[in-house]
Amino acid sequence: MTSISIIGSGKMGAAIAEVASRAGADIQILKRSATSTSAARPGFEYGVIGDELTGDLVVFAVPSGAYPSILEHYRDRLGGRVVIDISNPIDFSTYDALTSPPDSSTAAELARALPEGASVVKAFNVNLGDTLTSGTNGTTRTTVLFAGDYADAKTAVASLIEAAGMRAVDVGPLTRARELEAMGFLQIIMAALGKTRYESGFTLLE
């Protein structure tokens, strides 16, 4: 059975917890502190950041700016695990640019910061939370695009997505994370401007 540790208990962390629940995974959710508010439904068990990780898959469900503090706690404990980066590194003060390097991505920078044996997969960043919670996007099942360099890691992520009843599409190596982050940026901006709805988003027709 798949086991997953979700670092962060906001809306996207809650949405991925719902995905993992539908997939029948063992779920650990780590909050910033015991008193932090959570967007997840009742029934999930919570720990706090700093607790030992129990998941083979580890989701960074916090803003990318919080990654350095997460790595202070967990960098040396991530070897041999699949780390899922869901971030869209947007400058929210202007909503006008990505904050990742122009020739890189948050996922690639995270991969460089992790110990040998950790595998980064970019996933879920092109999905708004409501489409993950429901498993549908409009009249179609939700499509999750993902990228990574290691076949075993991508297979594990695809298996989680498909077990939750959604469609998994491999877009290539981790270098494609730059394009995924641009897609996520565009989708969030369009929703913020009222051009699309937060309950919908980009999809691929089957």
N, C-alpha and C. Protein backbone atom coordinates (compact mmCIF):
# COMPACT_ATOMS: atom_id res chain seq x y z
N MET A 1 0.85 -1.20 0.00
CA MET A 1 0.00 0.00 0.00
C MET A 1 0.88 1.24 0.00
N THR A 2 0.48 2.25 -0.75
CA THR A 2 1.21 3.50 -0.80
C THR A 2 1.09 4.24 0.54
N SER A 3 2.17 4.86 0.97
CA SER A 3 2.13 5.73 2.14
C SER A 3 2.61 7.10 1.72
N ILE A 4 1.98 8.13 2.28
CA ILE A 4 2.27 9.50 1.84
C ILE A 4 2.32 10.42 3.05
N SER A 5 3.33 11.27 3.08
CA SER A 5 3.45 12.33 4.08
C SER A 5 3.22 13.65 3.37
N ILE A 6 2.27 14.44 3.86
CA ILE A 6 1.93 15.73 3.27
C ILE A 6 2.38 16.82 4.24
N ILE A 7 3.36 17.59 3.82
CA ILE A 7 3.86 18.68 4.67
C ILE A 7 3.08 19.94 4.30
N GLY A 8 2.17 20.35 5.18
CA GLY A 8 1.30 21.48 4.92
C GLY A 8 -0.15 21.06 4.99
N SER A 9 -0.98 21.87 5.62
CA SER A 9 -2.38 21.50 5.83
C SER A 9 -3.34 22.56 5.29
N GLY A 10 -2.88 23.35 4.30
CA GLY A 10 -3.75 24.32 3.66
C GLY A 10 -4.65 23.65 2.63
N LYS A 11 -5.21 24.45 1.72
CA LYS A 11 -6.20 23.92 0.79
C LYS A 11 -5.60 22.86 -0.13
N MET A 12 -4.39 23.08 -0.65
CA MET A 12 -3.80 22.09 -1.54
C MET A 12 -3.38 20.84 -0.76
N GLY A 13 -2.87 21.00 0.43
CA GLY A 13 -2.55 19.84 1.25
C GLY A 13 -3.79 19.01 1.53
N ALA A 14 -4.91 19.71 1.82
CA ALA A 14 -6.17 19.01 2.07
C ALA A 14 -6.66 18.30 0.81
N ALA A 15 -6.52 18.95 -0.34
CA ALA A 15 -6.96 18.34 -1.60
C ALA A 15 -6.16 17.08 -1.91
N ILE A 16 -4.85 17.13 -1.69
CA ILE A 16 -4.02 15.95 -1.96
C ILE A 16 -4.29 14.85 -0.93
N ALA A 17 -4.64 15.24 0.28
CA ALA A 17 -5.05 14.24 1.27
C ALA A 17 -6.31 13.52 0.80
N GLU A 18 -7.24 14.25 0.19
CA GLU A 18 -8.44 13.61 -0.36
C GLU A 18 -8.08 12.66 -1.49
N VAL A 19 -7.16 13.08 -2.35
CA VAL A 19 -6.68 12.21 -3.43
C VAL A 19 -6.10 10.92 -2.84
N ALA A 20 -5.23 11.08 -1.85
CA ALA A 20 -4.59 9.92 -1.25
C ALA A 20 -5.60 9.02 -0.55
N SER A 21 -6.62 9.63 0.05
CA SER A 21 -7.66 8.84 0.71
C SER A 21 -8.43 8.00 -0.30
N ARG A 22 -8.78 8.59 -1.45
CA ARG A 22 -9.48 7.83 -2.49
C ARG A 22 -8.60 6.70 -3.02
N ALA A 23 -7.29 6.91 -3.01
CA ALA A 23 -6.35 5.90 -3.51
C ALA A 23 -6.07 4.81 -2.47
N GLY A 24 -6.60 4.97 -1.26
CA GLY A 24 -6.38 3.97 -0.23
C GLY A 24 -5.02 4.02 0.42
N ALA A 25 -4.34 5.18 0.34
CA ALA A 25 -2.99 5.31 0.89
C ALA A 25 -3.02 5.55 2.39
N ASP A 26 -1.94 5.18 3.06
CA ASP A 26 -1.73 5.58 4.44
C ASP A 26 -1.27 7.04 4.42
N ILE A 27 -1.90 7.89 5.23
CA ILE A 27 -1.70 9.34 5.11
C ILE A 27 -1.17 9.92 6.42
N GLN A 28 -0.14 10.72 6.30
CA GLN A 28 0.37 11.53 7.39
C GLN A 28 0.32 12.99 6.95
N ILE A 29 -0.28 13.87 7.76
CA ILE A 29 -0.32 15.30 7.46
C ILE A 29 0.42 16.05 8.56
N LEU A 30 1.38 16.86 8.15
CA LEU A 30 2.19 17.60 9.11
C LEU A 30 1.86 19.09 9.03
N LYS A 31 1.48 19.66 10.16
CA LYS A 31 1.15 21.08 10.25
C LYS A 31 2.33 21.85 10.82
N ARG A 32 2.29 23.17 10.66
CA ARG A 32 3.38 24.00 11.19
C ARG A 32 3.47 23.87 12.71
N SER A 33 2.31 23.83 13.36
CA SER A 33 2.27 23.65 14.81
C SER A 33 0.96 22.98 15.17
N ALA A 34 0.86 22.50 16.38
CA ALA A 34 -0.35 21.78 16.80
C ALA A 34 -1.58 22.67 16.75
N THR A 35 -1.39 23.99 16.84
CA THR A 35 -2.53 24.91 16.85
C THR A 35 -2.83 25.50 15.48
N SER A 36 -2.07 25.13 14.45
CA SER A 36 -2.32 25.66 13.11
C SER A 36 -3.69 25.24 12.62
N THR A 37 -4.39 26.15 11.95
CA THR A 37 -5.67 25.80 11.37
C THR A 37 -5.44 24.91 10.16
N SER A 38 -6.45 24.12 9.82
CA SER A 38 -6.32 23.17 8.73
C SER A 38 -7.52 23.25 7.82
N ALA A 39 -7.27 23.06 6.50
CA ALA A 39 -8.36 23.04 5.53
C ALA A 39 -8.87 21.63 5.30
N ALA A 40 -8.22 20.62 5.87
CA ALA A 40 -8.61 19.23 5.61
C ALA A 40 -9.86 18.87 6.40
N ARG A 41 -10.59 17.89 5.90
CA ARG A 41 -11.80 17.44 6.57
C ARG A 41 -11.45 16.67 7.84
N PRO A 42 -12.40 16.56 8.77
CA PRO A 42 -12.16 15.75 9.96
C PRO A 42 -11.89 14.30 9.57
N GLY A 43 -11.15 13.61 10.41
CA GLY A 43 -10.89 12.21 10.14
C GLY A 43 -9.44 11.93 9.82
N PHE A 44 -8.70 12.95 9.41
CA PHE A 44 -7.27 12.78 9.18
C PHE A 44 -6.50 12.97 10.48
N GLU A 45 -5.41 12.24 10.61
CA GLU A 45 -4.55 12.42 11.77
C GLU A 45 -3.43 13.39 11.42
N TYR A 46 -3.07 14.23 12.38
CA TYR A 46 -2.09 15.28 12.13
C TYR A 46 -0.88 15.14 13.05
N GLY A 47 0.27 15.50 12.49
CA GLY A 47 1.47 15.70 13.28
C GLY A 47 1.93 17.12 13.08
N VAL A 48 3.14 17.40 13.52
CA VAL A 48 3.71 18.74 13.32
C VAL A 48 5.04 18.60 12.61
N ILE A 49 5.41 19.64 11.90
CA ILE A 49 6.68 19.63 11.18
C ILE A 49 7.82 19.41 12.17
N GLY A 50 8.65 18.45 11.85
CA GLY A 50 9.70 18.00 12.75
C GLY A 50 9.49 16.56 13.16
N ASP A 51 8.21 16.10 13.12
CA ASP A 51 7.93 14.69 13.40
C ASP A 51 8.60 13.81 12.35
N GLU A 52 8.84 12.57 12.69
CA GLU A 52 9.44 11.63 11.75
C GLU A 52 8.49 11.40 10.58
N LEU A 53 9.03 11.35 9.36
CA LEU A 53 8.23 11.09 8.18
C LEU A 53 7.87 9.61 8.11
N THR A 54 6.62 9.31 7.73
CA THR A 54 6.19 7.92 7.60
C THR A 54 5.92 7.53 6.15
N GLY A 55 5.87 8.50 5.24
CA GLY A 55 5.49 8.21 3.86
C GLY A 55 6.67 7.92 2.95
N ASP A 56 6.44 7.00 2.01
CA ASP A 56 7.41 6.80 0.93
C ASP A 56 7.35 7.97 -0.06
N LEU A 57 6.15 8.54 -0.22
CA LEU A 57 5.96 9.76 -1.00
C LEU A 57 5.85 10.92 -0.03
N VAL A 58 6.56 12.01 -0.31
CA VAL A 58 6.52 13.19 0.56
C VAL A 58 6.12 14.39 -0.29
N VAL A 59 5.01 15.01 0.05
CA VAL A 59 4.49 16.15 -0.70
C VAL A 59 4.84 17.44 0.02
N PHE A 60 5.49 18.35 -0.69
CA PHE A 60 5.74 19.69 -0.17
C PHE A 60 4.52 20.55 -0.53
N ALA A 61 3.56 20.63 0.37
CA ALA A 61 2.32 21.37 0.12
C ALA A 61 2.34 22.69 0.88
N VAL A 62 3.44 23.40 0.72
CA VAL A 62 3.63 24.72 1.33
C VAL A 62 4.16 25.65 0.24
N PRO A 63 4.07 26.96 0.41
CA PRO A 63 4.64 27.86 -0.59
C PRO A 63 6.13 27.58 -0.78
N SER A 64 6.62 27.78 -1.98
CA SER A 64 8.02 27.48 -2.27
C SER A 64 8.97 28.29 -1.39
N GLY A 65 8.54 29.46 -0.95
CA GLY A 65 9.38 30.26 -0.06
C GLY A 65 9.63 29.59 1.28
N ALA A 66 8.79 28.62 1.63
CA ALA A 66 8.96 27.90 2.90
C ALA A 66 9.86 26.68 2.76
N TYR A 67 10.30 26.37 1.54
CA TYR A 67 11.11 25.16 1.33
C TYR A 67 12.39 25.16 2.16
N PRO A 68 13.13 26.28 2.25
CA PRO A 68 14.37 26.24 3.06
C PRO A 68 14.12 25.82 4.50
N SER A 69 13.04 26.29 5.11
CA SER A 69 12.78 25.90 6.50
C SER A 69 12.36 24.44 6.59
N ILE A 70 11.65 23.94 5.59
CA ILE A 70 11.29 22.52 5.58
C ILE A 70 12.56 21.67 5.45
N LEU A 71 13.47 22.10 4.60
CA LEU A 71 14.70 21.34 4.40
C LEU A 71 15.58 21.35 5.65
N GLU A 72 15.49 22.40 6.46
CA GLU A 72 16.23 22.42 7.72
C GLU A 72 15.84 21.23 8.60
N HIS A 73 14.55 20.89 8.56
CA HIS A 73 14.05 19.77 9.36
C HIS A 73 14.30 18.42 8.69
N TYR A 74 14.14 18.38 7.36
CA TYR A 74 13.98 17.08 6.71
C TYR A 74 15.00 16.71 5.64
N ARG A 75 15.90 17.60 5.27
CA ARG A 75 16.78 17.30 4.14
C ARG A 75 17.45 15.94 4.28
N ASP A 76 18.04 15.68 5.42
CA ASP A 76 18.82 14.45 5.58
C ASP A 76 17.93 13.22 5.78
N ARG A 77 16.61 13.42 5.85
CA ARG A 77 15.69 12.30 6.01
C ARG A 77 14.92 11.99 4.73
N LEU A 78 15.30 12.64 3.64
CA LEU A 78 14.56 12.46 2.39
C LEU A 78 15.25 11.53 1.40
N GLY A 79 16.44 11.05 1.72
CA GLY A 79 17.11 10.10 0.85
C GLY A 79 16.27 8.84 0.66
N GLY A 80 16.14 8.40 -0.58
CA GLY A 80 15.37 7.20 -0.88
C GLY A 80 13.88 7.43 -0.99
N ARG A 81 13.42 8.65 -0.83
CA ARG A 81 11.99 8.95 -0.92
C ARG A 81 11.68 9.71 -2.22
N VAL A 82 10.42 9.66 -2.60
CA VAL A 82 9.93 10.45 -3.72
C VAL A 82 9.36 11.75 -3.16
N VAL A 83 9.90 12.87 -3.59
CA VAL A 83 9.45 14.19 -3.11
C VAL A 83 8.63 14.83 -4.22
N ILE A 84 7.39 15.18 -3.91
CA ILE A 84 6.48 15.77 -4.89
C ILE A 84 6.40 17.27 -4.66
N ASP A 85 6.83 18.02 -5.66
CA ASP A 85 6.80 19.49 -5.62
C ASP A 85 5.54 19.96 -6.34
N ILE A 86 4.63 20.61 -5.60
CA ILE A 86 3.37 21.08 -6.20
C ILE A 86 3.35 22.59 -6.39
N SER A 87 4.48 23.25 -6.16
CA SER A 87 4.48 24.71 -6.05
C SER A 87 4.32 25.43 -7.39
N ASN A 88 3.74 26.61 -7.31
CA ASN A 88 3.74 27.59 -8.39
C ASN A 88 4.40 28.85 -7.83
N PRO A 89 5.68 29.06 -8.14
CA PRO A 89 6.44 30.14 -7.50
C PRO A 89 6.12 31.51 -8.09
N ILE A 90 4.97 32.02 -7.72
CA ILE A 90 4.48 33.29 -8.27
C ILE A 90 4.83 34.43 -7.32
N ASP A 91 5.19 35.57 -7.87
CA ASP A 91 5.36 36.78 -7.09
C ASP A 91 3.97 37.33 -6.79
N PHE A 92 3.43 37.01 -5.63
CA PHE A 92 2.06 37.38 -5.31
C PHE A 92 1.91 38.86 -4.97
N SER A 93 3.02 39.58 -4.87
CA SER A 93 2.90 41.03 -4.65
C SER A 93 2.51 41.74 -5.94
N THR A 94 2.82 41.13 -7.08
CA THR A 94 2.49 41.75 -8.37
C THR A 94 1.62 40.86 -9.27
N TYR A 95 1.59 39.55 -8.98
CA TYR A 95 0.92 38.59 -9.86
C TYR A 95 1.42 38.73 -11.29
N ASP A 96 2.69 39.01 -11.45
CA ASP A 96 3.19 39.33 -12.79
C ASP A 96 4.39 38.52 -13.22
N ALA A 97 4.89 37.61 -12.36
CA ALA A 97 6.10 36.87 -12.74
C ALA A 97 6.29 35.66 -11.85
N LEU A 98 7.02 34.69 -12.41
CA LEU A 98 7.50 33.57 -11.60
C LEU A 98 8.76 34.01 -10.85
N THR A 99 8.95 33.46 -9.67
CA THR A 99 10.13 33.81 -8.88
C THR A 99 11.27 32.81 -9.05
N SER A 100 11.03 31.72 -9.77
CA SER A 100 12.11 30.75 -10.01
C SER A 100 13.08 31.32 -11.04
N PRO A 101 14.33 30.82 -11.08
CA PRO A 101 15.31 31.32 -12.05
C PRO A 101 14.80 31.15 -13.49
N PRO A 102 15.13 32.06 -14.38
CA PRO A 102 14.59 32.01 -15.74
C PRO A 102 15.00 30.77 -16.53
N ASP A 103 16.07 30.12 -16.12
CA ASP A 103 16.53 28.92 -16.83
C ASP A 103 16.32 27.66 -16.01
N SER A 104 15.45 27.74 -14.98
CA SER A 104 15.28 26.60 -14.09
C SER A 104 13.83 26.55 -13.61
N SER A 105 13.59 25.86 -12.51
CA SER A 105 12.26 25.74 -11.92
C SER A 105 12.42 25.48 -10.43
N THR A 106 11.34 25.65 -9.69
CA THR A 106 11.39 25.32 -8.27
C THR A 106 11.73 23.86 -8.07
N ALA A 107 11.17 23.00 -8.92
CA ALA A 107 11.42 21.56 -8.80
C ALA A 107 12.90 21.23 -9.01
N ALA A 108 13.51 21.85 -10.01
CA ALA A 108 14.92 21.59 -10.28
C ALA A 108 15.80 22.10 -9.14
N GLU A 109 15.46 23.28 -8.61
CA GLU A 109 16.23 23.83 -7.50
C GLU A 109 16.08 22.94 -6.26
N LEU A 110 14.87 22.42 -6.04
CA LEU A 110 14.66 21.51 -4.91
C LEU A 110 15.48 20.24 -5.09
N ALA A 111 15.51 19.70 -6.30
CA ALA A 111 16.28 18.48 -6.56
C ALA A 111 17.75 18.69 -6.23
N ARG A 112 18.28 19.86 -6.56
CA ARG A 112 19.69 20.15 -6.28
C ARG A 112 19.97 20.22 -4.78
N ALA A 113 18.95 20.59 -4.01
CA ALA A 113 19.13 20.77 -2.57
C ALA A 113 18.97 19.48 -1.77
N LEU A 114 18.47 18.43 -2.41
CA LEU A 114 18.18 17.19 -1.68
C LEU A 114 19.36 16.24 -1.71
N PRO A 115 19.41 15.30 -0.77
CA PRO A 115 20.52 14.36 -0.72
C PRO A 115 20.41 13.32 -1.83
N GLU A 116 21.49 12.63 -2.07
CA GLU A 116 21.51 11.57 -3.07
C GLU A 116 20.46 10.51 -2.72
N GLY A 117 19.76 10.04 -3.73
CA GLY A 117 18.74 9.01 -3.50
C GLY A 117 17.33 9.55 -3.43
N ALA A 118 17.17 10.86 -3.25
CA ALA A 118 15.84 11.47 -3.28
C ALA A 118 15.45 11.74 -4.73
N SER A 119 14.20 11.55 -5.06
CA SER A 119 13.70 11.75 -6.43
C SER A 119 12.59 12.78 -6.41
N VAL A 120 12.76 13.86 -7.16
CA VAL A 120 11.74 14.91 -7.23
C VAL A 120 10.83 14.68 -8.42
N VAL A 121 9.54 14.77 -8.18
CA VAL A 121 8.54 14.74 -9.25
C VAL A 121 7.70 16.01 -9.13
N LYS A 122 7.58 16.74 -10.23
CA LYS A 122 6.70 17.90 -10.27
C LYS A 122 5.30 17.40 -10.62
N ALA A 123 4.32 17.70 -9.80
CA ALA A 123 2.95 17.22 -10.04
C ALA A 123 1.96 18.10 -9.30
N PHE A 124 0.73 18.08 -9.76
CA PHE A 124 -0.42 18.73 -9.12
C PHE A 124 -0.41 20.25 -9.21
N ASN A 125 0.65 20.87 -9.72
CA ASN A 125 0.68 22.33 -9.71
C ASN A 125 -0.22 22.95 -10.78
N VAL A 126 -0.60 22.18 -11.79
CA VAL A 126 -1.49 22.70 -12.83
C VAL A 126 -2.95 22.42 -12.47
N ASN A 127 -3.19 21.85 -11.29
CA ASN A 127 -4.54 21.54 -10.84
C ASN A 127 -4.93 22.46 -9.70
N LEU A 128 -6.07 23.09 -9.83
CA LEU A 128 -6.63 23.83 -8.70
C LEU A 128 -7.24 22.83 -7.72
N GLY A 129 -7.22 23.18 -6.43
CA GLY A 129 -7.56 22.22 -5.40
C GLY A 129 -8.92 21.57 -5.55
N ASP A 130 -9.91 22.33 -5.99
CA ASP A 130 -11.26 21.78 -6.10
C ASP A 130 -11.35 20.64 -7.09
N THR A 131 -10.54 20.70 -8.17
CA THR A 131 -10.59 19.64 -9.17
C THR A 131 -9.90 18.37 -8.67
N LEU A 132 -9.02 18.50 -7.71
CA LEU A 132 -8.41 17.32 -7.09
C LEU A 132 -9.36 16.71 -6.07
N THR A 133 -10.02 17.56 -5.29
CA THR A 133 -10.95 17.06 -4.28
C THR A 133 -12.10 16.30 -4.90
N SER A 134 -12.64 16.84 -6.01
CA SER A 134 -13.78 16.20 -6.66
C SER A 134 -13.35 15.07 -7.60
N GLY A 135 -12.14 15.16 -8.12
CA GLY A 135 -11.68 14.19 -9.11
C GLY A 135 -12.20 14.47 -10.50
N THR A 136 -12.92 15.58 -10.65
CA THR A 136 -13.46 15.95 -11.96
C THR A 136 -13.13 17.40 -12.27
N ASN A 137 -13.06 17.68 -13.56
CA ASN A 137 -12.81 19.03 -14.06
C ASN A 137 -13.85 19.29 -15.13
N GLY A 138 -14.89 20.03 -14.78
CA GLY A 138 -16.01 20.18 -15.70
C GLY A 138 -16.71 18.84 -15.85
N THR A 139 -16.81 18.37 -17.07
CA THR A 139 -17.49 17.10 -17.33
C THR A 139 -16.51 15.94 -17.52
N THR A 140 -15.22 16.18 -17.30
CA THR A 140 -14.21 15.14 -17.49
C THR A 140 -13.52 14.82 -16.16
N ARG A 141 -12.90 13.66 -16.10
CA ARG A 141 -12.12 13.38 -14.90
C ARG A 141 -10.85 14.23 -14.93
N THR A 142 -10.38 14.57 -13.76
CA THR A 142 -9.23 15.46 -13.63
C THR A 142 -7.97 14.81 -14.21
N THR A 143 -7.23 15.59 -14.98
CA THR A 143 -5.94 15.17 -15.52
C THR A 143 -4.83 15.81 -14.69
N VAL A 144 -3.87 15.00 -14.26
CA VAL A 144 -2.71 15.50 -13.52
C VAL A 144 -1.48 15.31 -14.40
N LEU A 145 -0.82 16.42 -14.74
CA LEU A 145 0.43 16.38 -15.48
C LEU A 145 1.59 16.27 -14.50
N PHE A 146 2.60 15.49 -14.85
CA PHE A 146 3.74 15.36 -13.95
C PHE A 146 5.03 15.19 -14.75
N ALA A 147 6.15 15.54 -14.11
CA ALA A 147 7.46 15.46 -14.75
C ALA A 147 8.49 14.99 -13.74
N GLY A 148 9.48 14.26 -14.22
CA GLY A 148 10.55 13.80 -13.34
C GLY A 148 11.59 13.03 -14.13
N ASP A 149 12.70 12.76 -13.47
CA ASP A 149 13.83 12.11 -14.14
C ASP A 149 13.94 10.61 -13.86
N TYR A 150 13.18 10.12 -12.88
CA TYR A 150 13.36 8.73 -12.45
C TYR A 150 12.08 7.94 -12.67
N ALA A 151 12.19 6.86 -13.44
CA ALA A 151 11.01 6.09 -13.85
C ALA A 151 10.26 5.53 -12.65
N ASP A 152 10.96 4.99 -11.66
CA ASP A 152 10.28 4.39 -10.51
C ASP A 152 9.49 5.45 -9.74
N ALA A 153 10.07 6.64 -9.60
CA ALA A 153 9.39 7.71 -8.88
C ALA A 153 8.14 8.15 -9.64
N LYS A 154 8.25 8.26 -10.95
CA LYS A 154 7.09 8.69 -11.74
C LYS A 154 6.00 7.61 -11.73
N THR A 155 6.41 6.35 -11.74
CA THR A 155 5.42 5.27 -11.66
C THR A 155 4.66 5.32 -10.35
N ALA A 156 5.36 5.61 -9.25
CA ALA A 156 4.70 5.69 -7.94
C ALA A 156 3.68 6.83 -7.91
N VAL A 157 4.05 7.98 -8.48
CA VAL A 157 3.13 9.12 -8.50
C VAL A 157 1.95 8.83 -9.42
N ALA A 158 2.20 8.27 -10.60
CA ALA A 158 1.12 7.94 -11.53
C ALA A 158 0.16 6.94 -10.91
N SER A 159 0.69 5.96 -10.18
CA SER A 159 -0.16 4.95 -9.54
C SER A 159 -1.08 5.58 -8.51
N LEU A 160 -0.57 6.55 -7.74
CA LEU A 160 -1.40 7.26 -6.77
C LEU A 160 -2.53 8.01 -7.47
N ILE A 161 -2.18 8.73 -8.53
CA ILE A 161 -3.17 9.53 -9.27
C ILE A 161 -4.25 8.63 -9.85
N GLU A 162 -3.85 7.55 -10.49
CA GLU A 162 -4.81 6.67 -11.15
C GLU A 162 -5.65 5.90 -10.14
N ALA A 163 -5.08 5.52 -9.01
CA ALA A 163 -5.85 4.83 -7.98
C ALA A 163 -6.92 5.73 -7.38
N ALA A 164 -6.71 7.06 -7.49
CA ALA A 164 -7.70 8.03 -7.02
C ALA A 164 -8.75 8.33 -8.08
N GLY A 165 -8.68 7.64 -9.22
CA GLY A 165 -9.69 7.81 -10.26
C GLY A 165 -9.44 8.93 -11.23
N MET A 166 -8.21 9.45 -11.24
CA MET A 166 -7.88 10.55 -12.14
C MET A 166 -6.94 10.05 -13.24
N ARG A 167 -6.68 10.91 -14.21
CA ARG A 167 -5.82 10.57 -15.34
C ARG A 167 -4.43 11.15 -15.10
N ALA A 168 -3.41 10.32 -15.25
CA ALA A 168 -2.02 10.74 -15.06
C ALA A 168 -1.33 10.83 -16.41
N VAL A 169 -0.69 11.97 -16.69
CA VAL A 169 0.00 12.18 -17.96
C VAL A 169 1.43 12.61 -17.69
N ASP A 170 2.38 11.78 -18.14
CA ASP A 170 3.80 12.04 -17.99
C ASP A 170 4.23 12.99 -19.10
N VAL A 171 4.71 14.19 -18.73
CA VAL A 171 5.10 15.17 -19.75
C VAL A 171 6.60 15.17 -20.02
N GLY A 172 7.37 14.30 -19.31
CA GLY A 172 8.78 14.20 -19.63
C GLY A 172 9.69 14.38 -18.43
N PRO A 173 10.95 14.73 -18.67
CA PRO A 173 11.94 14.87 -17.60
C PRO A 173 11.67 16.10 -16.73
N LEU A 174 12.45 16.22 -15.67
CA LEU A 174 12.22 17.31 -14.72
C LEU A 174 12.43 18.68 -15.35
N THR A 175 13.16 18.76 -16.45
CA THR A 175 13.32 20.05 -17.12
C THR A 175 11.98 20.61 -17.60
N ARG A 176 10.98 19.74 -17.77
CA ARG A 176 9.66 20.20 -18.19
C ARG A 176 8.90 20.89 -17.05
N ALA A 177 9.45 20.82 -15.83
CA ALA A 177 8.79 21.49 -14.71
C ALA A 177 8.68 23.00 -14.95
N ARG A 178 9.62 23.56 -15.70
CA ARG A 178 9.56 24.99 -16.01
C ARG A 178 8.27 25.31 -16.76
N GLU A 179 7.94 24.48 -17.75
CA GLU A 179 6.70 24.71 -18.51
C GLU A 179 5.47 24.46 -17.66
N LEU A 180 5.53 23.45 -16.78
CA LEU A 180 4.39 23.20 -15.89
C LEU A 180 4.17 24.39 -14.96
N GLU A 181 5.24 24.98 -14.46
CA GLU A 181 5.09 26.13 -13.58
C GLU A 181 4.52 27.33 -14.33
N ALA A 182 4.88 27.48 -15.59
CA ALA A 182 4.30 28.56 -16.39
C ALA A 182 2.80 28.32 -16.61
N MET A 183 2.41 27.06 -16.83
CA MET A 183 0.99 26.73 -16.98
C MET A 183 0.23 27.00 -15.69
N GLY A 184 0.82 26.62 -14.57
CA GLY A 184 0.18 26.88 -13.29
C GLY A 184 0.03 28.36 -13.02
N PHE A 185 1.06 29.12 -13.34
CA PHE A 185 1.02 30.58 -13.20
C PHE A 185 -0.13 31.17 -14.01
N LEU A 186 -0.24 30.76 -15.29
CA LEU A 186 -1.30 31.28 -16.15
C LEU A 186 -2.68 30.92 -15.62
N GLN A 187 -2.83 29.69 -15.16
CA GLN A 187 -4.14 29.26 -14.67
C GLN A 187 -4.56 30.03 -13.43
N ILE A 188 -3.63 30.24 -12.50
CA ILE A 188 -3.96 30.98 -11.28
C ILE A 188 -4.31 32.44 -11.60
N ILE A 189 -3.55 33.05 -12.50
CA ILE A 189 -3.83 34.43 -12.88
C ILE A 189 -5.21 34.54 -13.53
N MET A 190 -5.53 33.61 -14.42
CA MET A 190 -6.83 33.65 -15.08
C MET A 190 -7.96 33.50 -14.07
N ALA A 191 -7.80 32.62 -13.09
CA ALA A 191 -8.83 32.45 -12.08
C ALA A 191 -8.94 33.70 -11.20
N ALA A 192 -7.80 34.30 -10.84
CA ALA A 192 -7.81 35.51 -10.02
C ALA A 192 -8.50 36.66 -10.73
N LEU A 193 -8.39 36.70 -12.06
CA LEU A 193 -9.03 37.76 -12.85
C LEU A 193 -10.47 37.44 -13.22
N GLY A 194 -10.94 36.28 -12.80
CA GLY A 194 -12.31 35.90 -13.10
C GLY A 194 -12.51 35.38 -14.51
N LYS A 195 -11.42 35.07 -15.22
CA LYS A 195 -11.54 34.53 -16.57
C LYS A 195 -11.94 33.05 -16.56
N THR A 196 -11.59 32.36 -15.51
CA THR A 196 -12.00 30.97 -15.31
C THR A 196 -12.47 30.83 -13.87
N ARG A 197 -12.97 29.65 -13.53
CA ARG A 197 -13.44 29.40 -12.17
C ARG A 197 -12.42 28.55 -11.41
N TYR A 198 -12.34 28.77 -10.10
CA TYR A 198 -11.43 27.96 -9.29
C TYR A 198 -11.87 26.50 -9.24
N GLU A 199 -13.13 26.22 -9.57
CA GLU A 199 -13.62 24.85 -9.57
C GLU A 199 -13.32 24.14 -10.89
N SER A 200 -12.70 24.84 -11.83
CA SER A 200 -12.41 24.23 -13.13
C SER A 200 -10.92 24.34 -13.39
N GLY A 201 -10.51 24.57 -14.63
CA GLY A 201 -9.10 24.71 -14.95
C GLY A 201 -8.75 24.00 -16.23
N PHE A 202 -7.46 23.98 -16.56
CA PHE A 202 -7.00 23.33 -17.78
C PHE A 202 -7.22 21.82 -17.69
N THR A 203 -7.53 21.21 -18.80
CA THR A 203 -7.62 19.75 -18.85
C THR A 203 -7.24 19.27 -20.25
N LEU A 204 -6.96 17.97 -20.36
CA LEU A 204 -6.75 17.33 -21.64
C LEU A 204 -7.93 16.44 -21.92
N LEU A 205 -8.52 16.59 -23.08
CA LEU A 205 -9.64 15.72 -23.45
C LEU A 205 -9.10 14.36 -23.86
N GLU A 206 -9.76 13.33 -23.42
CA GLU A 206 -9.31 11.97 -23.75
C GLU A 206 -9.85 11.53 -25.10
